[in-house]
Every structure is written in C-alpha cells, then in structure tokens.
Amino acid sequence: MYLALTGREPYPETGNVLRDLSRRLAAPPADVRLVRPETPAELAELVAKLTNPDPDRRYQSARALAGALAGLNRWIATTVDPVTDTPAPARLPRVLLVDDDDTVRGFVRTVLGAEYECHDAADGKQAWDRLEKTPYDLVVLDVNLPGMTGAELLQRLRQNCPPSQMPRILVTSGDVPPEALGGLLMDGADDFIEKPFNPAAIRSRARSLTHRRAAPAPAPAQAPVAAPPANNVRETVRLTVGELTRVPAQPPPTHATTQSQSPATRQEEKPSSVDPLAYGTCRLMEETGLVLPGYHDRVARYMRALAAAVADRGEYARFKDPRFLTVLTAAAPVHDVGQLVVPTQLLMKPGRLDENELTVVQTHVTIGAQVLIDLAARMPVPLPDLTMAAEVVRHHHERWDGAGYPDGLSGTEIPLSARAVAVASVYEALRTRRPYRPPLGHARAVRLITTESTGQFDPALVSAFAAAAARFDEIFSGAGRPG
C-alpha cells in the first residue's frame, strides 16, 4: 500500500543484507505523509500500523484490516429535485450524539456545533426514539450504552432502515479494543474512533462521513422505516480508498457562481499551516538583504505558473491537485530558511568560497530541514504540511543526475516538490544581484536553465518552465509590488 500511494519502496535495499535487515527491524513505521503530505491522516495511520516493526501493534487479523479499510470509504450525498433537476436548498447536516456520559456529549457538541445541527441521547432507547421521529445524517454512537447497547442499536437500524434512509454511523469506545470496533464496520458501521479523541480527529471523521459540501436538503420529520419523500431523490456516490489521495480539479468559478457562493463555501480551501512561517522567514531574509522585497509572494506565484504549464500525466498530475498545490506554494518560499543560521559574511562574500566555506554554506539545507522537523514534533496536532516544507528545504539542491547535495539523490528519488522548487529558486537567484555578479536578464536566465544546466533539473519541469518562462518574467518584474 505504501508503494501504491508513494511510488517508492518503504525500505529500499542497499545491497547489504545485514544492514537492510537491521534497518527494517529498527526503523519506525513508514510515514506516507513524508512523501505525500496531502494523504488523509486516517490512511497514513493505517499504513503506519501495517508497517510497524512490532507484530503486536499491527492488525491482528484479516477481518480487522478489512474493517479498517472499509472505514476509509468516503460518501458524498446530494439531494436534487427531480422536476427542476437542481440542488435543493442546503442545510446543516444533522448529527445524533449517543453516549451515556454527558461530558463526552458536551465535548463533541462543542467541537461539531459550528458545522452541524447536533442532538443527543443518553442511551439506546432514547436514541431510537429520536431516530424514529427525525432523519439524521450521522450518528456518533458509543458501544457501551446502558440497556440497549450500541451494537444492538446498530443492528436494529440495519433491520428497519432502507439504505437510502440509513444514517452514517461512527462508533466510539474507550474500552473495546480497536480490532473489535473495526469488526463493527462489517456489521453496518461506517467508521470508528477510540476514546479519548481530540477535536481534530472527531471533526475529520464527521466531515469525511457527511461530506460537508453536499449536505442533504431538509425533509419532513419521518420514521427511518418510511419511504423517501416523493418530491426528493437522494443519490449516493461512493469514492474508493484509491481516490482519497486525489482531489479532482474544479473548473474556474464564473462571476455569477462566485457571487452566489456562501461565505462558508468560499472559505473551504483554507491556507496551509506553513504559510505564516514561510512569510515570517521571507521577511527576515528581506531585512538581512538575502532576498529582494516580495520574495514570498513571487516564489509562490512561480510555483503556480510552473504547475499550470506541466503536463498532466504520471506523478506530475499531482500539480493539478488543489490540496497539493496549496501546500507546495506555501512551503516553497521557506526553502532557504537554513540560510538564517549561516554566517552572513559567507553568504555575501564577493569572491569564490573555499572548500571549507562551501561546506558550511551547504549545511543550510540540513539545519533548516531539522528545524522544521523539530517544530512539527512540538506541535499539539500533526501538521503534514511541515513535512513537505522540510522535504523542500532538505532536497532543493539535489540534482537530477545525482551530483547535488546533501544526499546525492537522483531522478525521481528527489521529491517532486523539491524538484519544482529547485527550478524556481534558481531562476529567482539568477535574476537577483549577488556580491560576486550583477543580476542576469530574463533571456539569459532562461537559457541557463533550459540549455546550459544539463543534468541539474527534472527534464519534464524544464519543459514546463520553458512554456511558462514569459509568466516567470512577469512575476519577477513585479518585484516589490503587492500580489
């Protein structure tokens, strides 16, 4: 699964059997998001559990694994009017919180209340009474309920609800082993989560199951056993596990659709968590004279120009993924953060660096990457965007032919994000005055990158750069101006 998601072996062979075996036994579980930071957290956790060197921490049976995989299905529900064939007015998805602990119910209601209409029930009987009177989109169901247990309520729902009326079921427990919770997926639950859960985890599960952007329209109160109302048709589409890591690009919005969107819809694509760090880093570099004003915005715009020009095939199709591109454009400007710890007299030296000085300057990639890794480790919640930023920082001086640093990676061993940033950062550097040379013109910079730097860059990205070269010039010419 790691290979399918990343295109790489999780533990590549070096030819030394003893070293490879020792590394495999001592290595931590494979982290997909170090290569593909846009991978959903739930899928990354599943792969990490599959590759855990401790057998006791892996899935203990094929049934448990099948249950975990089943939980990664994402549902998109839409309601349309069959007469006009247009979407019905949207409403907040309705969630029923079923738990005998009022503290847990209050916690979940606080976390989900801004995005969902939350109702609660303290036991299985009260939950069933509510389900008979009101249709719900999601039921957050504790397994250990007094009287009618969570498993019994789930069974009753399966026996009495037609598929079109069945709410999504998220089962929870602090006592039942994860494998047993996973087994409930085979009995009709859609996902499970262990207690105690943090706000990000419960919010992520709820969004995945209800698909916030396509909430069903309001319907008259009815028992779950009733047929769907005559004036509505509910259509459900299932996306498989393989589709979770690819978000299809949306067509550019027209003026009319932009005006009609609600504020919540327009804000769905949130900025990357790396962006404030990148902006602060660039401002510090501007103040020290290492880069020109407007550097942060220019580098981000270079990335978008390159992504628009690259061919949509193979791994390069990731540039068309809005989430990947958002993270990349945020991470790219921070690529030289390590230069802030390199002595300024070396960075600004007018003559050629000697071997020792060059070694010191080259440490900026490893120091910068380690700073971001340490920063990510101190965060209270996982921030996969920082892993891409660290990846870019460490590898943007690698070369396609393997002659770069710090790791001597070659070809597609170099992360795609770092290959893209390498092109943009060199273009920016060539156009900028250095202590040892004047700034180069656009035509000369393009010629150096496309024809006079054999083996340095990814050929596919060089072709994209050539196609987008005029746009790069426009971006650089706006140095110092907003946007």
Protein backbone atom coordinates (compact mmCIF):
# COMPACT_ATOMS: atom_id res chain seq x y z
CA MET A 1 0.00 0.00 0.00
CA TYR A 2 2.89 2.38 0.77
CA LEU A 3 4.32 1.67 -2.69
CA ALA A 4 0.93 2.28 -4.34
CA LEU A 5 0.48 5.62 -2.58
CA THR A 6 4.02 6.98 -2.98
CA GLY A 7 5.64 5.13 -5.87
CA ARG A 8 8.55 4.26 -3.54
CA GLU A 9 9.69 1.27 -1.53
CA PRO A 10 9.24 1.94 2.20
CA TYR A 11 12.57 0.24 2.96
CA PRO A 12 14.74 0.32 -0.21
CA GLU A 13 17.50 -2.29 -0.41
CA THR A 14 21.14 -1.17 -0.27
CA GLY A 15 22.71 -4.49 -1.25
CA ASN A 16 23.96 -5.15 2.29
CA VAL A 17 21.64 -7.84 3.66
CA LEU A 18 22.60 -7.42 7.32
CA ARG A 19 22.29 -3.64 7.18
CA ASP A 20 18.93 -3.86 5.41
CA LEU A 21 17.59 -6.38 7.94
CA SER A 22 18.82 -4.32 10.89
CA ARG A 23 17.28 -1.18 9.43
CA ARG A 24 13.97 -2.91 8.83
CA LEU A 25 13.80 -4.22 12.41
CA ALA A 26 14.73 -0.89 13.97
CA ALA A 27 13.02 1.54 11.60
CA PRO A 28 9.87 3.33 12.73
CA PRO A 29 6.60 2.65 10.86
CA ALA A 30 6.59 4.09 7.33
CA ASP A 31 5.06 7.57 7.21
CA VAL A 32 3.28 8.12 3.90
CA ARG A 33 2.92 11.85 4.55
CA LEU A 34 6.67 12.41 4.44
CA VAL A 35 6.31 11.76 0.69
CA ARG A 36 2.64 12.61 0.12
CA PRO A 37 1.64 15.18 2.78
CA GLU A 38 -1.80 15.55 1.24
CA THR A 39 -2.66 11.96 2.26
CA PRO A 40 -5.58 11.84 4.73
CA ALA A 41 -4.43 11.26 8.31
CA GLU A 42 -6.59 8.13 8.68
CA LEU A 43 -4.96 6.49 5.64
CA ALA A 44 -1.46 7.43 6.80
CA GLU A 45 -2.18 5.92 10.22
CA LEU A 46 -3.39 2.70 8.61
CA VAL A 47 -0.18 2.33 6.54
CA ALA A 48 1.95 3.10 9.62
CA LYS A 49 0.17 0.35 11.53
CA LEU A 50 0.68 -2.11 8.66
CA THR A 51 4.43 -1.41 8.63
CA ASN A 52 5.00 -1.31 12.38
CA PRO A 53 8.05 -3.48 13.23
CA ASP A 54 6.25 -4.74 16.36
CA PRO A 55 3.84 -7.52 15.26
CA ASP A 56 1.64 -6.88 18.30
CA ARG A 57 0.95 -3.34 17.05
CA ARG A 58 -0.19 -4.45 13.59
CA TYR A 59 -3.70 -5.60 12.66
CA GLN A 60 -4.23 -8.96 14.29
CA SER A 61 -6.49 -10.45 11.64
CA ALA A 62 -7.62 -10.02 8.05
CA ARG A 63 -11.08 -9.11 9.37
CA ALA A 64 -9.67 -6.26 11.45
CA LEU A 65 -7.75 -4.94 8.44
CA ALA A 66 -10.80 -5.24 6.21
CA GLY A 67 -12.82 -3.32 8.76
CA ALA A 68 -10.21 -0.54 8.91
CA LEU A 69 -10.13 -0.32 5.11
CA ALA A 70 -13.91 -0.18 4.98
CA GLY A 71 -13.78 2.82 7.26
CA LEU A 72 -11.81 4.73 4.64
CA ASN A 73 -14.71 4.87 2.20
CA ARG A 74 -15.95 8.42 1.75
CA TRP A 75 -19.58 9.10 0.98
CA ILE A 76 -20.92 12.06 -0.96
CA ALA A 77 -24.66 12.60 -0.58
CA THR A 78 -26.61 15.06 -2.68
CA THR A 79 -30.30 15.80 -2.83
CA VAL A 80 -31.89 17.03 -6.05
CA ASP A 81 -35.36 17.99 -7.10
CA PRO A 82 -36.42 15.54 -9.85
CA VAL A 83 -38.67 18.14 -11.50
CA THR A 84 -36.21 21.02 -11.85
CA ASP A 85 -33.05 18.83 -11.65
CA THR A 86 -31.45 21.45 -9.42
CA PRO A 87 -29.93 21.12 -5.93
CA ALA A 88 -32.33 21.70 -3.09
CA PRO A 89 -31.54 24.41 -0.51
CA ALA A 90 -28.68 23.36 1.74
CA ARG A 91 -28.97 22.84 5.48
CA LEU A 92 -26.55 21.92 8.19
CA PRO A 93 -26.05 18.13 8.41
CA ARG A 94 -27.89 16.69 11.40
CA VAL A 95 -25.88 14.65 13.93
CA LEU A 96 -27.15 12.48 16.79
CA LEU A 97 -24.67 12.07 19.66
CA VAL A 98 -25.39 8.87 21.61
CA ASP A 99 -23.36 8.46 24.81
CA ASP A 100 -24.25 7.91 28.45
CA ASP A 101 -21.52 10.36 29.51
CA ASP A 102 -22.88 13.90 29.31
CA THR A 103 -19.30 15.28 29.36
CA VAL A 104 -18.49 13.41 26.16
CA ARG A 105 -21.70 14.56 24.52
CA GLY A 106 -20.97 18.16 25.51
CA PHE A 107 -17.41 17.91 24.18
CA VAL A 108 -18.50 16.53 20.80
CA ARG A 109 -21.33 19.08 20.55
CA THR A 110 -18.83 21.88 21.18
CA VAL A 111 -16.46 20.56 18.51
CA LEU A 112 -19.11 19.96 15.85
CA GLY A 113 -21.68 22.61 16.74
CA ALA A 114 -20.42 25.24 14.28
CA GLU A 115 -20.83 22.90 11.29
CA TYR A 116 -23.63 20.54 12.32
CA GLU A 117 -27.06 20.56 13.91
CA CYS A 118 -26.38 18.41 16.98
CA HIS A 119 -28.93 16.44 19.02
CA ASP A 120 -28.03 13.98 21.77
CA ALA A 121 -29.30 10.90 23.55
CA ALA A 122 -28.10 9.30 26.78
CA ASP A 123 -28.98 5.67 25.95
CA GLY A 124 -30.01 3.35 23.13
CA LYS A 125 -33.77 3.62 23.75
CA GLN A 126 -33.73 7.42 23.73
CA ALA A 127 -31.61 7.34 20.57
CA TRP A 128 -34.07 5.01 18.83
CA ASP A 129 -36.98 7.26 19.79
CA ARG A 130 -35.20 10.21 18.18
CA LEU A 131 -34.29 8.22 15.07
CA GLU A 132 -37.95 7.21 14.59
CA LYS A 133 -39.02 10.85 14.58
CA THR A 134 -36.13 12.65 12.85
CA PRO A 135 -33.82 11.76 9.95
CA TYR A 136 -30.13 12.09 10.77
CA ASP A 137 -27.07 12.28 8.55
CA LEU A 138 -24.65 10.94 11.15
CA VAL A 139 -24.92 9.04 14.43
CA VAL A 140 -21.92 9.18 16.76
CA LEU A 141 -22.60 6.00 18.70
CA ASP A 142 -20.91 4.79 21.87
CA VAL A 143 -20.69 0.99 22.03
CA ASN A 144 -21.09 0.68 25.81
CA LEU A 145 -24.59 2.02 26.45
CA PRO A 146 -26.90 1.05 29.34
CA GLY A 147 -29.88 -1.04 28.31
CA MET A 148 -29.82 -1.27 24.53
CA THR A 149 -26.11 -1.38 23.60
CA GLY A 150 -24.57 0.42 20.67
CA ALA A 151 -24.20 -2.85 18.76
CA GLU A 152 -27.90 -3.67 19.34
CA LEU A 153 -28.99 -0.22 18.19
CA LEU A 154 -26.86 -0.62 15.08
CA GLN A 155 -28.49 -3.99 14.36
CA ARG A 156 -31.99 -2.51 14.77
CA LEU A 157 -31.13 0.30 12.39
CA ARG A 158 -29.93 -2.18 9.77
CA GLN A 159 -33.11 -4.23 10.10
CA ASN A 160 -35.52 -1.28 9.88
CA CYS A 161 -33.88 1.39 7.74
CA PRO A 162 -33.85 1.21 3.94
CA PRO A 163 -30.37 2.00 2.54
CA SER A 164 -31.47 5.44 1.31
CA GLN A 165 -32.51 6.43 4.86
CA MET A 166 -29.65 4.84 6.79
CA PRO A 167 -27.54 7.47 8.58
CA ARG A 168 -23.78 7.18 8.62
CA ILE A 169 -22.60 5.52 11.84
CA LEU A 170 -19.41 6.48 13.69
CA VAL A 171 -18.88 4.10 16.61
CA THR A 172 -16.79 5.08 19.64
CA SER A 173 -15.45 3.40 22.76
CA GLY A 174 -12.76 3.77 25.36
CA ASP A 175 -12.87 0.13 26.49
CA VAL A 176 -13.36 -2.01 23.40
CA PRO A 177 -10.12 -2.90 21.51
CA PRO A 178 -9.72 -1.18 18.11
CA GLU A 179 -9.92 -4.54 16.33
CA ALA A 180 -13.35 -5.17 17.87
CA LEU A 181 -14.51 -1.69 16.89
CA GLY A 182 -13.24 -2.38 13.38
CA GLY A 183 -15.31 -5.54 13.37
CA LEU A 184 -18.46 -3.42 13.80
CA LEU A 185 -17.73 -1.98 10.35
CA MET A 186 -18.62 -5.36 8.96
CA ASP A 187 -21.96 -5.09 10.77
CA GLY A 188 -23.03 -1.77 9.26
CA ALA A 189 -20.96 0.97 10.93
CA ASP A 190 -19.11 3.34 8.60
CA ASP A 191 -16.11 4.25 10.77
CA PHE A 192 -14.82 4.04 14.33
CA ILE A 193 -12.73 6.17 16.67
CA GLU A 194 -11.19 5.37 20.04
CA LYS A 195 -11.66 7.49 23.16
CA PRO A 196 -10.25 9.81 24.23
CA PHE A 197 -10.37 11.60 20.89
CA ASN A 198 -9.10 15.08 20.11
CA PRO A 199 -11.14 17.77 18.34
CA ALA A 200 -9.31 17.41 15.03
CA ALA A 201 -9.93 13.65 14.92
CA ILE A 202 -13.68 13.77 15.61
CA ARG A 203 -14.13 16.71 13.23
CA SER A 204 -12.22 14.92 10.48
CA ARG A 205 -14.30 11.74 10.86
CA ALA A 206 -17.56 13.69 10.81
CA ARG A 207 -16.61 15.66 7.71
CA SER A 208 -15.50 12.50 5.94
CA LEU A 209 -18.79 10.74 6.60
CA THR A 210 -21.21 13.57 5.95
CA HIS A 211 -19.21 15.35 3.25
CA ARG A 212 -19.98 18.84 4.45
CA ARG A 213 -20.14 20.43 0.98
CA ALA A 214 -23.06 18.29 -0.13
CA ALA A 215 -25.41 18.20 2.81
CA PRO A 216 -28.85 16.79 2.06
CA ALA A 217 -31.80 19.14 1.95
CA PRO A 218 -34.38 19.42 4.72
CA ALA A 219 -37.06 16.77 4.74
CA PRO A 220 -40.23 16.41 6.79
CA ALA A 221 -39.87 14.52 10.07
CA GLN A 222 -40.39 10.82 9.48
CA ALA A 223 -39.55 7.44 10.92
CA PRO A 224 -36.46 5.78 9.50
CA VAL A 225 -38.64 2.96 8.21
CA ALA A 226 -40.65 5.29 5.97
CA ALA A 227 -40.07 5.57 2.25
CA PRO A 228 -38.20 8.64 0.99
CA PRO A 229 -40.41 11.67 0.28
CA ALA A 230 -41.97 11.75 -3.17
CA ASN A 231 -40.52 15.11 -4.13
CA ASN A 232 -36.88 14.29 -3.41
CA VAL A 233 -34.38 11.81 -4.78
CA ARG A 234 -31.29 11.03 -2.73
CA GLU A 235 -28.31 9.98 -4.80
CA THR A 236 -25.27 8.47 -3.10
CA VAL A 237 -21.83 8.01 -4.66
CA ARG A 238 -19.03 6.03 -3.01
CA LEU A 239 -15.38 7.02 -3.52
CA THR A 240 -12.92 4.17 -3.03
CA VAL A 241 -9.77 4.19 -0.92
CA GLY A 242 -7.63 4.76 -4.02
CA GLU A 243 -9.43 8.01 -4.75
CA LEU A 244 -8.89 9.52 -1.30
CA THR A 245 -5.47 10.92 -2.23
CA ARG A 246 -6.63 12.67 -5.38
CA VAL A 247 -8.93 15.70 -5.32
CA PRO A 248 -10.24 16.48 -8.82
CA ALA A 249 -9.53 19.99 -10.01
CA GLN A 250 -12.58 22.22 -10.08
CA PRO A 251 -13.39 24.42 -13.09
CA PRO A 252 -12.68 28.11 -12.56
CA PRO A 253 -15.70 29.83 -11.00
CA THR A 254 -17.66 32.30 -13.06
CA HIS A 255 -18.57 35.70 -11.68
CA ALA A 256 -22.15 34.50 -11.19
CA THR A 257 -21.17 31.40 -9.24
CA THR A 258 -18.71 33.36 -7.13
CA GLN A 259 -21.42 35.83 -6.18
CA SER A 260 -23.86 33.06 -5.32
CA GLN A 261 -21.46 31.13 -3.09
CA SER A 262 -21.91 31.38 0.63
CA PRO A 263 -19.02 32.64 2.77
CA ALA A 264 -18.56 29.12 4.15
CA THR A 265 -18.23 27.68 0.63
CA ARG A 266 -15.74 30.32 -0.48
CA GLN A 267 -13.57 29.59 2.55
CA GLU A 268 -13.42 25.82 2.10
CA GLU A 269 -9.91 25.82 0.64
CA LYS A 270 -8.03 27.01 3.71
CA PRO A 271 -4.44 28.25 3.52
CA SER A 272 -1.64 25.91 4.52
CA SER A 273 -0.46 25.96 8.13
CA VAL A 274 3.07 26.56 6.78
CA ASP A 275 2.23 29.91 5.20
CA PRO A 276 2.71 32.16 8.28
CA LEU A 277 6.08 30.50 8.94
CA ALA A 278 7.13 30.96 5.32
CA TYR A 279 6.07 34.60 5.31
CA GLY A 280 7.95 35.33 8.53
CA THR A 281 11.07 33.61 7.21
CA CYS A 282 10.98 35.61 3.99
CA ARG A 283 10.53 38.88 5.84
CA LEU A 284 13.61 38.10 7.97
CA MET A 285 15.60 37.29 4.83
CA GLU A 286 14.47 40.56 3.25
CA GLU A 287 15.62 42.51 6.31
CA THR A 288 19.05 40.85 6.19
CA GLY A 289 19.41 41.60 2.48
CA LEU A 290 19.45 37.97 1.37
CA VAL A 291 16.41 38.34 -0.92
CA LEU A 292 14.52 41.11 -2.68
CA PRO A 293 11.25 42.50 -1.26
CA GLY A 294 8.19 40.50 -2.30
CA TYR A 295 10.16 37.25 -2.35
CA HIS A 296 7.48 35.23 -0.52
CA ASP A 297 4.72 36.06 -2.99
CA ARG A 298 6.95 35.71 -6.06
CA VAL A 299 8.13 32.20 -5.23
CA ALA A 300 4.56 31.06 -4.52
CA ARG A 301 3.44 32.50 -7.87
CA TYR A 302 6.34 30.79 -9.67
CA MET A 303 5.03 27.50 -8.31
CA ARG A 304 1.54 28.13 -9.64
CA ALA A 305 2.88 29.17 -13.05
CA LEU A 306 5.00 26.02 -13.25
CA ALA A 307 2.11 23.81 -12.13
CA ALA A 308 -0.18 25.30 -14.77
CA ALA A 309 2.33 24.51 -17.53
CA VAL A 310 3.35 20.98 -16.53
CA ALA A 311 1.86 18.03 -18.41
CA ASP A 312 -0.98 16.27 -16.57
CA ARG A 313 0.43 12.75 -16.57
CA GLY A 314 2.10 10.33 -14.17
CA GLU A 315 3.32 11.82 -10.91
CA TYR A 316 3.15 15.31 -12.43
CA ALA A 317 -0.65 15.08 -12.24
CA ARG A 318 -0.18 15.94 -8.55
CA PHE A 319 0.36 19.55 -9.64
CA LYS A 320 -3.32 19.59 -10.65
CA ASP A 321 -4.40 18.52 -7.16
CA PRO A 322 -5.58 21.72 -5.40
CA ARG A 323 -4.51 20.49 -1.96
CA PHE A 324 -1.01 19.51 -3.11
CA LEU A 325 -0.58 22.83 -4.90
CA THR A 326 -1.77 24.81 -1.86
CA VAL A 327 0.79 23.11 0.38
CA LEU A 328 3.55 23.42 -2.23
CA THR A 329 3.02 27.14 -2.80
CA ALA A 330 3.11 27.69 0.97
CA ALA A 331 6.22 25.53 1.51
CA ALA A 332 8.28 26.76 -1.45
CA PRO A 333 9.24 30.22 -0.07
CA VAL A 334 10.70 28.67 3.10
CA HIS A 335 13.25 26.57 1.16
CA ASP A 336 16.26 28.67 2.27
CA VAL A 337 15.26 29.08 5.92
CA GLY A 338 18.56 27.46 6.92
CA GLN A 339 20.47 30.42 5.50
CA LEU A 340 19.44 32.41 8.55
CA VAL A 341 21.98 30.44 10.63
CA VAL A 342 24.83 30.65 8.09
CA PRO A 343 27.33 33.47 8.77
CA THR A 344 26.32 36.46 6.67
CA GLN A 345 29.92 37.12 5.61
CA LEU A 346 29.94 33.78 3.81
CA LEU A 347 26.62 34.34 2.04
CA MET A 348 27.67 37.85 0.99
CA LYS A 349 31.32 37.07 0.15
CA PRO A 350 32.24 38.76 -3.16
CA GLY A 351 34.77 36.10 -4.14
CA ARG A 352 34.68 32.33 -4.61
CA LEU A 353 34.13 30.22 -1.48
CA ASP A 354 36.88 27.82 -0.50
CA GLU A 355 36.11 24.18 0.23
CA ASN A 356 35.55 24.67 3.96
CA GLU A 357 33.35 27.73 3.44
CA LEU A 358 31.29 25.88 0.83
CA THR A 359 30.74 23.02 3.27
CA VAL A 360 29.44 25.46 5.88
CA VAL A 361 27.05 27.11 3.41
CA GLN A 362 25.72 23.73 2.29
CA THR A 363 24.68 22.89 5.85
CA HIS A 364 21.77 25.32 5.46
CA VAL A 365 19.64 22.56 3.90
CA THR A 366 20.10 20.01 6.69
CA ILE A 367 19.87 22.56 9.50
CA GLY A 368 16.75 24.15 8.01
CA ALA A 369 15.05 20.79 7.49
CA GLN A 370 15.85 19.66 11.03
CA VAL A 371 14.43 22.88 12.48
CA LEU A 372 11.12 22.22 10.71
CA ILE A 373 11.08 18.57 11.79
CA ASP A 374 11.68 19.60 15.40
CA LEU A 375 8.97 22.24 15.09
CA ALA A 376 6.50 19.67 13.78
CA ALA A 377 7.31 17.36 16.68
CA ARG A 378 6.39 20.08 19.20
CA MET A 379 3.01 20.81 17.63
CA PRO A 380 -0.01 19.58 19.64
CA VAL A 381 -1.58 18.15 16.47
CA PRO A 382 0.07 16.62 13.37
CA LEU A 383 0.89 19.16 10.64
CA PRO A 384 1.73 17.19 7.49
CA ASP A 385 2.31 20.46 5.61
CA LEU A 386 5.51 20.87 7.64
CA THR A 387 6.79 17.55 6.31
CA MET A 388 6.61 18.84 2.75
CA ALA A 389 8.32 22.06 3.82
CA ALA A 390 11.13 20.05 5.45
CA GLU A 391 11.36 17.91 2.32
CA VAL A 392 11.71 21.02 0.13
CA VAL A 393 14.30 22.59 2.44
CA ARG A 394 16.47 19.48 2.52
CA HIS A 395 16.36 18.47 -1.13
CA HIS A 396 16.08 21.61 -3.29
CA HIS A 397 19.84 21.44 -4.05
CA GLU A 398 19.75 17.84 -5.26
CA ARG A 399 20.41 17.34 -8.97
CA TRP A 400 18.62 15.14 -11.48
CA ASP A 401 21.96 13.47 -12.32
CA GLY A 402 22.73 12.72 -8.65
CA ALA A 403 25.56 15.25 -8.28
CA GLY A 404 23.72 17.51 -5.81
CA TYR A 405 23.62 17.63 -2.02
CA PRO A 406 23.05 16.71 0.80
CA ASP A 407 22.05 13.11 -0.03
CA GLY A 408 23.13 12.71 -3.64
CA LEU A 409 19.62 11.70 -4.74
CA SER A 410 18.94 11.39 -8.46
CA GLY A 411 15.96 11.34 -10.81
CA THR A 412 12.64 10.56 -9.20
CA GLU A 413 14.35 9.75 -5.88
CA ILE A 414 14.24 13.51 -5.38
CA PRO A 415 10.82 14.55 -4.01
CA LEU A 416 8.65 16.17 -6.68
CA SER A 417 8.13 19.25 -4.52
CA ALA A 418 11.88 19.83 -4.19
CA ARG A 419 12.44 19.36 -7.94
CA ALA A 420 9.89 22.07 -8.66
CA VAL A 421 11.31 24.48 -6.09
CA ALA A 422 14.82 23.93 -7.50
CA VAL A 423 13.76 25.42 -10.85
CA ALA A 424 12.02 28.43 -9.33
CA SER A 425 14.75 29.17 -6.78
CA VAL A 426 17.49 29.12 -9.41
CA TYR A 427 15.51 31.45 -11.68
CA GLU A 428 15.00 33.89 -8.80
CA ALA A 429 18.69 33.69 -7.83
CA LEU A 430 19.86 34.33 -11.40
CA ARG A 431 17.66 37.42 -11.70
CA THR A 432 18.93 38.80 -8.36
CA ARG A 433 22.14 40.76 -7.81
CA ARG A 434 24.82 38.83 -5.95
CA PRO A 435 28.02 40.20 -4.34
CA TYR A 436 30.05 38.36 -6.99
CA ARG A 437 27.94 39.23 -10.10
CA PRO A 438 25.24 41.57 -11.41
CA PRO A 439 21.65 40.36 -11.95
CA LEU A 440 21.05 38.44 -15.17
CA GLY A 441 18.37 39.32 -17.68
CA HIS A 442 15.34 37.08 -18.26
CA ALA A 443 16.56 35.63 -21.57
CA ARG A 444 19.96 34.73 -20.13
CA ALA A 445 18.38 33.11 -17.05
CA VAL A 446 16.03 31.05 -19.23
CA ARG A 447 18.90 29.93 -21.44
CA LEU A 448 20.98 28.85 -18.45
CA ILE A 449 18.14 26.75 -17.02
CA THR A 450 16.86 25.21 -20.26
CA THR A 451 20.04 24.59 -22.28
CA GLU A 452 23.15 25.18 -20.18
CA SER A 453 22.41 23.20 -16.99
CA THR A 454 22.37 19.64 -18.32
CA GLY A 455 21.64 17.13 -15.60
CA GLN A 456 20.63 19.67 -12.96
CA PHE A 457 16.85 19.76 -13.28
CA ASP A 458 13.96 17.38 -13.94
CA PRO A 459 13.55 17.43 -17.77
CA ALA A 460 9.75 17.48 -17.55
CA LEU A 461 9.87 20.52 -15.28
CA VAL A 462 12.41 22.23 -17.54
CA SER A 463 9.91 21.85 -20.41
CA ALA A 464 7.17 23.30 -18.23
CA PHE A 465 9.44 26.17 -17.21
CA ALA A 466 10.20 26.93 -20.87
CA ALA A 467 6.47 27.06 -21.60
CA ALA A 468 5.85 29.33 -18.59
CA ALA A 469 9.00 31.47 -18.97
CA ALA A 470 7.13 34.60 -20.02
CA ARG A 471 4.95 34.29 -16.93
CA PHE A 472 8.07 33.96 -14.73
CA ASP A 473 9.37 37.22 -16.21
CA GLU A 474 6.06 38.96 -15.47
CA ILE A 475 6.16 37.74 -11.88
CA PHE A 476 9.74 38.87 -11.32
CA SER A 477 9.12 42.23 -12.96
CA GLY A 478 6.52 42.90 -10.31
CA ALA A 479 9.16 42.71 -7.54
CA GLY A 480 8.26 44.98 -4.67
CA ARG A 481 4.66 45.44 -5.77
CA PRO A 482 1.77 43.82 -3.88
CA GLY A 483 0.50 40.44 -5.10
